[in-house]
C-alpha atoms as a PDB file:
ATOM      1  CA  UNK A   1      -0.554 -22.284   8.780  1.00  0.00           C
ATOM      2  CA  UNK A   2       1.955 -20.941   6.200  1.00  0.00           C
ATOM      3  CA  UNK A   3       1.539 -23.901   4.151  1.00  0.00           C
ATOM      4  CA  UNK A   4      -1.820 -24.094   4.356  1.00  0.00           C
ATOM      5  CA  UNK A   5      -2.734 -20.290   3.157  1.00  0.00           C
ATOM      6  CA  UNK A   6      -0.180 -21.055   0.172  1.00  0.00           C
ATOM      7  CA  UNK A   7      -2.280 -24.172  -0.520  1.00  0.00           C
ATOM      8  CA  UNK A   8      -5.516 -22.108  -0.351  1.00  0.00           C
ATOM      9  CA  UNK A   9      -3.851 -19.451  -2.900  1.00  0.00           C
ATOM     10  CA  UNK A  10      -3.369 -21.922  -4.926  1.00  0.00           C
ATOM     11  CA  UNK A  11      -6.636 -23.639  -4.792  1.00  0.00           C
ATOM     12  CA  UNK A  12      -8.366 -20.407  -5.431  1.00  0.00           C
ATOM     13  CA  UNK A  13      -6.736 -19.743  -8.418  1.00  0.00           C
ATOM     14  CA  UNK A  14      -6.896 -22.900 -10.521  1.00  0.00           C
ATOM     15  CA  UNK A  15     -10.628 -22.641 -11.768  1.00  0.00           C
ATOM     16  CA  UNK A  16      -9.536 -19.206 -13.107  1.00  0.00           C
ATOM     17  CA  UNK A  17      -6.705 -20.737 -14.980  1.00  0.00           C
ATOM     18  CA  UNK A  18      -9.280 -23.299 -16.392  1.00  0.00           C
ATOM     19  CA  UNK A  19     -11.716 -20.841 -17.646  1.00  0.00           C
ATOM     20  CA  UNK A  20      -9.628 -18.108 -18.818  1.00  0.00           C
ATOM     21  CA  UNK A  21      -9.774 -16.769 -22.223  1.00  0.00           C
ATOM     22  CA  UNK A  22      -6.589 -14.925 -21.938  1.00  0.00           C
ATOM     23  CA  UNK A  23      -4.233 -13.711 -18.992  1.00  0.00           C
ATOM     24  CA  UNK A  24      -1.795 -10.800 -18.040  1.00  0.00           C
ATOM     25  CA  UNK A  25       1.273 -10.291 -16.515  1.00  0.00           C
ATOM     26  CA  UNK A  26       2.268  -7.442 -15.081  1.00  0.00           C
ATOM     27  CA  UNK A  27       5.402  -5.806 -13.152  1.00  0.00           C
ATOM     28  CA  UNK A  28       4.710  -2.671 -11.058  1.00  0.00           C
ATOM     29  CA  UNK A  29       6.740   0.130  -8.801  1.00  0.00           C
ATOM     30  CA  UNK A  30       4.912   0.833  -6.016  1.00  0.00           C
ATOM     31  CA  UNK A  31       4.827   4.195  -3.546  1.00  0.00           C
ATOM     32  CA  UNK A  32       3.515   3.534  -0.365  1.00  0.00           C
ATOM     33  CA  UNK A  33       1.915   6.122   2.094  1.00  0.00           C
ATOM     34  CA  UNK A  34       1.922   4.831   5.884  1.00  0.00           C
ATOM     35  CA  UNK A  35      -1.461   5.450   7.570  1.00  0.00           C
ATOM     36  CA  UNK A  36      -2.605   4.212  11.190  1.00  0.00           C
ATOM     37  CA  UNK A  37      -0.029   2.177  13.299  1.00  0.00           C
ATOM     38  CA  UNK A  38       2.491   2.032  10.785  1.00  0.00           C
ATOM     39  CA  UNK A  39       2.773   6.090  10.231  1.00  0.00           C
ATOM     40  CA  UNK A  40       3.073   5.994  13.893  1.00  0.00           C
ATOM     41  CA  UNK A  41       6.077   3.525  13.627  1.00  0.00           C
ATOM     42  CA  UNK A  42       7.218   5.129  10.554  1.00  0.00           C
ATOM     43  CA  UNK A  43       5.918   8.311   8.977  1.00  0.00           C
ATOM     44  CA  UNK A  44       8.071   8.074   5.893  1.00  0.00           C
ATOM     45  CA  UNK A  45       6.698   7.467   2.403  1.00  0.00           C
ATOM     46  CA  UNK A  46       8.210   4.132   0.664  1.00  0.00           C
ATOM     47  CA  UNK A  47       9.568   4.911  -2.694  1.00  0.00           C
ATOM     48  CA  UNK A  48      10.890   1.163  -2.192  1.00  0.00           C
ATOM     49  CA  UNK A  49       8.159  -1.162  -3.568  1.00  0.00           C
ATOM     50  CA  UNK A  50       7.300  -3.445  -6.103  1.00  0.00           C
ATOM     51  CA  UNK A  51       4.593  -5.684  -7.087  1.00  0.00           C
ATOM     52  CA  UNK A  52       3.891  -8.764  -9.737  1.00  0.00           C
ATOM     53  CA  UNK A  53       0.635  -9.919 -10.565  1.00  0.00           C
ATOM     54  CA  UNK A  54      -0.705 -12.520 -12.822  1.00  0.00           C
ATOM     55  CA  UNK A  55      -4.267 -12.331 -13.962  1.00  0.00           C
ATOM     56  CA  UNK A  56      -6.861 -14.540 -15.764  1.00  0.00           C
ATOM     57  CA  UNK A  57      -9.749 -13.548 -17.420  1.00  0.00           C
ATOM     58  CA  UNK A  58     -12.943 -15.353 -17.350  1.00  0.00           C
ATOM     59  CA  UNK A  59     -14.353 -12.745 -19.619  1.00  0.00           C
ATOM     60  CA  UNK A  60     -13.898  -9.820 -21.210  1.00  0.00           C
ATOM     61  CA  UNK A  61     -14.422  -7.803 -17.857  1.00  0.00           C
ATOM     62  CA  UNK A  62     -13.560  -9.875 -15.302  1.00  0.00           C
ATOM     63  CA  UNK A  63     -10.041 -11.425 -14.091  1.00  0.00           C
ATOM     64  CA  UNK A  64      -8.790 -13.467 -11.385  1.00  0.00           C
ATOM     65  CA  UNK A  65      -5.664 -13.743  -9.930  1.00  0.00           C
ATOM     66  CA  UNK A  66      -2.756 -13.246  -7.619  1.00  0.00           C
ATOM     67  CA  UNK A  67      -0.493 -10.306  -6.370  1.00  0.00           C
ATOM     68  CA  UNK A  68       2.644 -10.795  -4.582  1.00  0.00           C
ATOM     69  CA  UNK A  69       4.296  -7.539  -3.292  1.00  0.00           C
ATOM     70  CA  UNK A  70       7.276  -6.139  -1.408  1.00  0.00           C
ATOM     71  CA  UNK A  71       6.962  -2.843   0.285  1.00  0.00           C
ATOM     72  CA  UNK A  72      10.234  -1.490   2.218  1.00  0.00           C
ATOM     73  CA  UNK A  73       9.714   1.470   4.598  1.00  0.00           C
ATOM     74  CA  UNK A  74      12.490   3.223   6.551  1.00  0.00           C
ATOM     75  CA  UNK A  75      12.991   6.115   8.981  1.00  0.00           C
ATOM     76  CA  UNK A  76      15.595   7.387  11.296  1.00  0.00           C
ATOM     77  CA  UNK A  77      15.298   9.113  14.710  1.00  0.00           C
ATOM     78  CA  UNK A  78      17.950  10.877  16.855  1.00  0.00           C
ATOM     79  CA  UNK A  79      18.138  10.525  20.935  1.00  0.00           C
ATOM     80  CA  UNK A  80      14.871   8.430  21.099  1.00  0.00           C
ATOM     81  CA  UNK A  81      14.334   6.574  24.231  1.00  0.00           C
ATOM     82  CA  UNK A  82      12.636   3.036  23.475  1.00  0.00           C
ATOM     83  CA  UNK A  83      11.472   0.570  25.900  1.00  0.00           C
ATOM     84  CA  UNK A  84      10.666  -3.189  24.935  1.00  0.00           C
ATOM     85  CA  UNK A  85      11.031  -6.534  26.033  1.00  0.00           C
ATOM     86  CA  UNK A  86      12.531  -5.804  29.223  1.00  0.00           C
ATOM     87  CA  UNK A  87      14.556  -3.261  27.994  1.00  0.00           C
ATOM     88  CA  UNK A  88      14.908   0.705  28.168  1.00  0.00           C
ATOM     89  CA  UNK A  89      17.407   2.201  25.420  1.00  0.00           C
ATOM     90  CA  UNK A  90      17.994   5.655  24.506  1.00  0.00           C
ATOM     91  CA  UNK A  91      19.819   6.779  21.348  1.00  0.00           C
ATOM     92  CA  UNK A  92      19.527   6.961  17.087  1.00  0.00           C
ATOM     93  CA  UNK A  93      17.102   4.542  16.028  1.00  0.00           C
ATOM     94  CA  UNK A  94      16.781   3.408  12.470  1.00  0.00           C
ATOM     95  CA  UNK A  95      13.361   1.567  11.951  1.00  0.00           C
ATOM     96  CA  UNK A  96      12.703  -0.479   9.060  1.00  0.00           C
ATOM     97  CA  UNK A  97       9.129  -2.540   8.156  1.00  0.00           C
ATOM     98  CA  UNK A  98       9.154  -5.211   5.108  1.00  0.00           C
ATOM     99  CA  UNK A  99       5.739  -5.821   4.278  1.00  0.00           C
ATOM    100  CA  UNK A 100       5.074  -9.041   1.748  1.00  0.00           C
ATOM    101  CA  UNK A 101       1.103  -9.196   0.527  1.00  0.00           C
ATOM    102  CA  UNK A 102       0.302 -12.307  -1.056  1.00  0.00           C
ATOM    103  CA  UNK A 103      -3.058 -11.626  -2.232  1.00  0.00           C
ATOM    104  CA  UNK A 104      -6.052 -13.388  -4.605  1.00  0.00           C
ATOM    105  CA  UNK A 105      -7.232 -10.459  -6.677  1.00  0.00           C
ATOM    106  CA  UNK A 106     -10.533 -10.364  -8.155  1.00  0.00           C
ATOM    107  CA  UNK A 107     -11.176  -7.543 -10.692  1.00  0.00           C
ATOM    108  CA  UNK A 108     -13.671  -6.046 -13.056  1.00  0.00           C
ATOM    109  CA  UNK A 109     -12.660  -4.109 -15.912  1.00  0.00           C
ATOM    110  CA  UNK A 110     -15.557  -1.812 -17.218  1.00  0.00           C
ATOM    111  CA  UNK A 111     -14.254  -2.353 -20.578  1.00  0.00           C
ATOM    112  CA  UNK A 112     -11.983  -4.945 -22.980  1.00  0.00           C
ATOM    113  CA  UNK A 113      -8.566  -4.640 -22.557  1.00  0.00           C
ATOM    114  CA  UNK A 114      -8.268  -3.050 -26.298  1.00  0.00           C
ATOM    115  CA  UNK A 115      -9.172   0.088 -25.393  1.00  0.00           C
ATOM    116  CA  UNK A 116      -8.484   2.443 -21.993  1.00  0.00           C
ATOM    117  CA  UNK A 117     -10.167   0.129 -19.219  1.00  0.00           C
ATOM    118  CA  UNK A 118     -10.493   1.619 -15.821  1.00  0.00           C
ATOM    119  CA  UNK A 119     -11.280  -1.073 -13.368  1.00  0.00           C
ATOM    120  CA  UNK A 120     -11.830  -1.944  -9.489  1.00  0.00           C
ATOM    121  CA  UNK A 121     -11.039  -4.608  -7.337  1.00  0.00           C
ATOM    122  CA  UNK A 122     -10.365  -6.496  -4.384  1.00  0.00           C
ATOM    123  CA  UNK A 123      -7.291  -8.632  -2.776  1.00  0.00           C
ATOM    124  CA  UNK A 124      -7.901 -11.202   0.216  1.00  0.00           C
ATOM    125  CA  UNK A 125      -4.898 -13.347   1.436  1.00  0.00           C
ATOM    126  CA  UNK A 126      -2.025 -12.554   3.433  1.00  0.00           C
ATOM    127  CA  UNK A 127       0.798 -10.103   4.784  1.00  0.00           C
ATOM    128  CA  UNK A 128       3.825 -10.882   6.274  1.00  0.00           C
ATOM    129  CA  UNK A 129       5.487  -8.095   8.464  1.00  0.00           C
ATOM    130  CA  UNK A 130       8.877  -7.734   9.079  1.00  0.00           C
ATOM    131  CA  UNK A 131       9.539  -4.930  11.614  1.00  0.00           C
ATOM    132  CA  UNK A 132      12.924  -3.905  12.707  1.00  0.00           C
ATOM    133  CA  UNK A 133      14.268  -1.521  15.274  1.00  0.00           C
ATOM    134  CA  UNK A 134      18.301  -0.687  15.335  1.00  0.00           C
ATOM    135  CA  UNK A 135      19.492   1.210  18.508  1.00  0.00           C
ATOM    136  CA  UNK A 136      23.484   0.954  17.990  1.00  0.00           C
ATOM    137  CA  UNK A 137      24.349  -2.650  18.072  1.00  0.00           C
ATOM    138  CA  UNK A 138      21.218  -3.686  19.241  1.00  0.00           C
ATOM    139  CA  UNK A 139      17.966  -4.706  16.842  1.00  0.00           C
ATOM    140  CA  UNK A 140      14.669  -5.515  18.249  1.00  0.00           C
ATOM    141  CA  UNK A 141      12.712  -7.586  15.564  1.00  0.00           C
ATOM    142  CA  UNK A 142       8.973  -8.861  15.227  1.00  0.00           C
ATOM    143  CA  UNK A 143       7.590 -11.112  12.148  1.00  0.00           C
ATOM    144  CA  UNK A 144       4.390 -11.996  12.197  1.00  0.00           C
ATOM    145  CA  UNK A 145       1.752 -13.338   9.313  1.00  0.00           C
ATOM    146  CA  UNK A 146      -1.451 -11.300   9.030  1.00  0.00           C
ATOM    147  CA  UNK A 147      -4.657 -12.031   7.499  1.00  0.00           C
ATOM    148  CA  UNK A 148      -5.527  -8.854   4.996  1.00  0.00           C
ATOM    149  CA  UNK A 149      -7.317  -7.106   2.365  1.00  0.00           C
ATOM    150  CA  UNK A 150      -6.739  -4.481  -0.289  1.00  0.00           C
ATOM    151  CA  UNK A 151      -9.525  -2.516  -2.262  1.00  0.00           C
ATOM    152  CA  UNK A 152      -8.306  -0.751  -5.295  1.00  0.00           C
ATOM    153  CA  UNK A 153      -9.478   1.307  -8.632  1.00  0.00           C
ATOM    154  CA  UNK A 154      -7.069   1.682 -11.306  1.00  0.00           C
ATOM    155  CA  UNK A 155      -6.755   1.963 -15.161  1.00  0.00           C
ATOM    156  CA  UNK A 156      -5.086  -0.195 -17.953  1.00  0.00           C
ATOM    157  CA  UNK A 157      -3.820   1.627 -20.833  1.00  0.00           C
ATOM    158  CA  UNK A 158      -3.178  -0.289 -23.702  1.00  0.00           C
ATOM    159  CA  UNK A 159       0.192   0.648 -25.804  1.00  0.00           C
ATOM    160  CA  UNK A 160       0.078  -2.344 -28.584  1.00  0.00           C
ATOM    161  CA  UNK A 161      -1.257  -5.246 -29.342  1.00  0.00           C
ATOM    162  CA  UNK A 162       0.077  -7.207 -26.125  1.00  0.00           C
ATOM    163  CA  UNK A 163       1.128  -4.747 -23.778  1.00  0.00           C
ATOM    164  CA  UNK A 164      -0.061  -1.878 -21.813  1.00  0.00           C
ATOM    165  CA  UNK A 165       0.436   0.801 -18.707  1.00  0.00           C
ATOM    166  CA  UNK A 166      -1.216  -0.020 -15.226  1.00  0.00           C
ATOM    167  CA  UNK A 167      -1.812   2.715 -13.319  1.00  0.00           C
ATOM    168  CA  UNK A 168      -3.819   2.042  -9.909  1.00  0.00           C
ATOM    169  CA  UNK A 169      -4.317   2.811  -6.173  1.00  0.00           C
ATOM    170  CA  UNK A 170      -4.896   0.354  -3.250  1.00  0.00           C
ATOM    171  CA  UNK A 171      -5.345   0.655   0.352  1.00  0.00           C
ATOM    172  CA  UNK A 172      -3.524  -2.243   1.990  1.00  0.00           C
ATOM    173  CA  UNK A 173      -4.383  -3.533   5.194  1.00  0.00           C
ATOM    174  CA  UNK A 174      -2.989  -6.197   7.791  1.00  0.00           C
ATOM    175  CA  UNK A 175      -5.489  -7.142  10.049  1.00  0.00           C
ATOM    176  CA  UNK A 176      -3.821  -7.294  13.841  1.00  0.00           C
ATOM    177  CA  UNK A 177      -1.515 -10.259  14.723  1.00  0.00           C
ATOM    178  CA  UNK A 178       0.548 -10.298  17.964  1.00  0.00           C
ATOM    179  CA  UNK A 179      -0.423  -6.615  18.783  1.00  0.00           C
ATOM    180  CA  UNK A 180       0.947  -5.789  15.271  1.00  0.00           C
ATOM    181  CA  UNK A 181      -1.409  -3.972  12.810  1.00  0.00           C
ATOM    182  CA  UNK A 182      -0.513  -2.574   9.618  1.00  0.00           C
ATOM    183  CA  UNK A 183      -2.018  -0.078   6.793  1.00  0.00           C
ATOM    184  CA  UNK A 184      -0.716   1.923   3.732  1.00  0.00           C
ATOM    185  CA  UNK A 185      -1.903   3.612   0.809  1.00  0.00           C
ATOM    186  CA  UNK A 186      -0.394   2.032  -2.552  1.00  0.00           C
ATOM    187  CA  UNK A 187       0.012   4.195  -5.524  1.00  0.00           C
ATOM    188  CA  UNK A 188       1.239   1.684  -8.506  1.00  0.00           C
ATOM    189  CA  UNK A 189       2.626   2.175 -12.013  1.00  0.00           C
ATOM    190  CA  UNK A 190       3.597  -0.788 -13.890  1.00  0.00           C
ATOM    191  CA  UNK A 191       3.378  -2.654 -17.617  1.00  0.00           C
ATOM    192  CA  UNK A 192       1.292  -5.219 -18.450  1.00  0.00           C
ATOM    193  CA  UNK A 193       1.778  -7.984 -20.770  1.00  0.00           C
ATOM    194  CA  UNK A 194      -0.854  -9.592 -22.257  1.00  0.00           C
ATOM    195  CA  UNK A 195      -1.138 -13.282 -23.618  1.00  0.00           C
ATOM    196  CA  UNK A 196      -4.119 -14.171 -25.698  1.00  0.00           C
END
């Protein structure tokens, strides 16, 4: 399954590379806010996130590419009783959730990148979730792959000829897999490097 998903992502990105007039690589810092089932498991905001984007422009306004990210959520609670896997344990819990999105992204920029350019986009692909609950010396781990999507809106602010600032907001949703479903909002601040 993993191999099929990687092949699909590569095949979908090849036409964009062939048609592209220019490209952009972006490095982002992500701050994420859990929603839904994610918030029920960990309610803390995550300041530990990063994403990397590679985009190819088909024309001045349309870009296709890929995004890889890593969001880390963590929360600690005392005197909690946890039941799972036929075991009941009470104590201090440390909860972790690592989300790794791997998405094919399409964006529409309202203006060219030589001026301030708002954009909207949609990412579709997979998410890997690693959920870990630690109670003392005992750890319960749940690792799953999910299909998912991420609509986004952002703005690219040029700083010089080949570099600019990327500001974006996106809603990330990983559909249910093995009784696990995750969603969260992400605010992104980063720098994009253009190759003309």
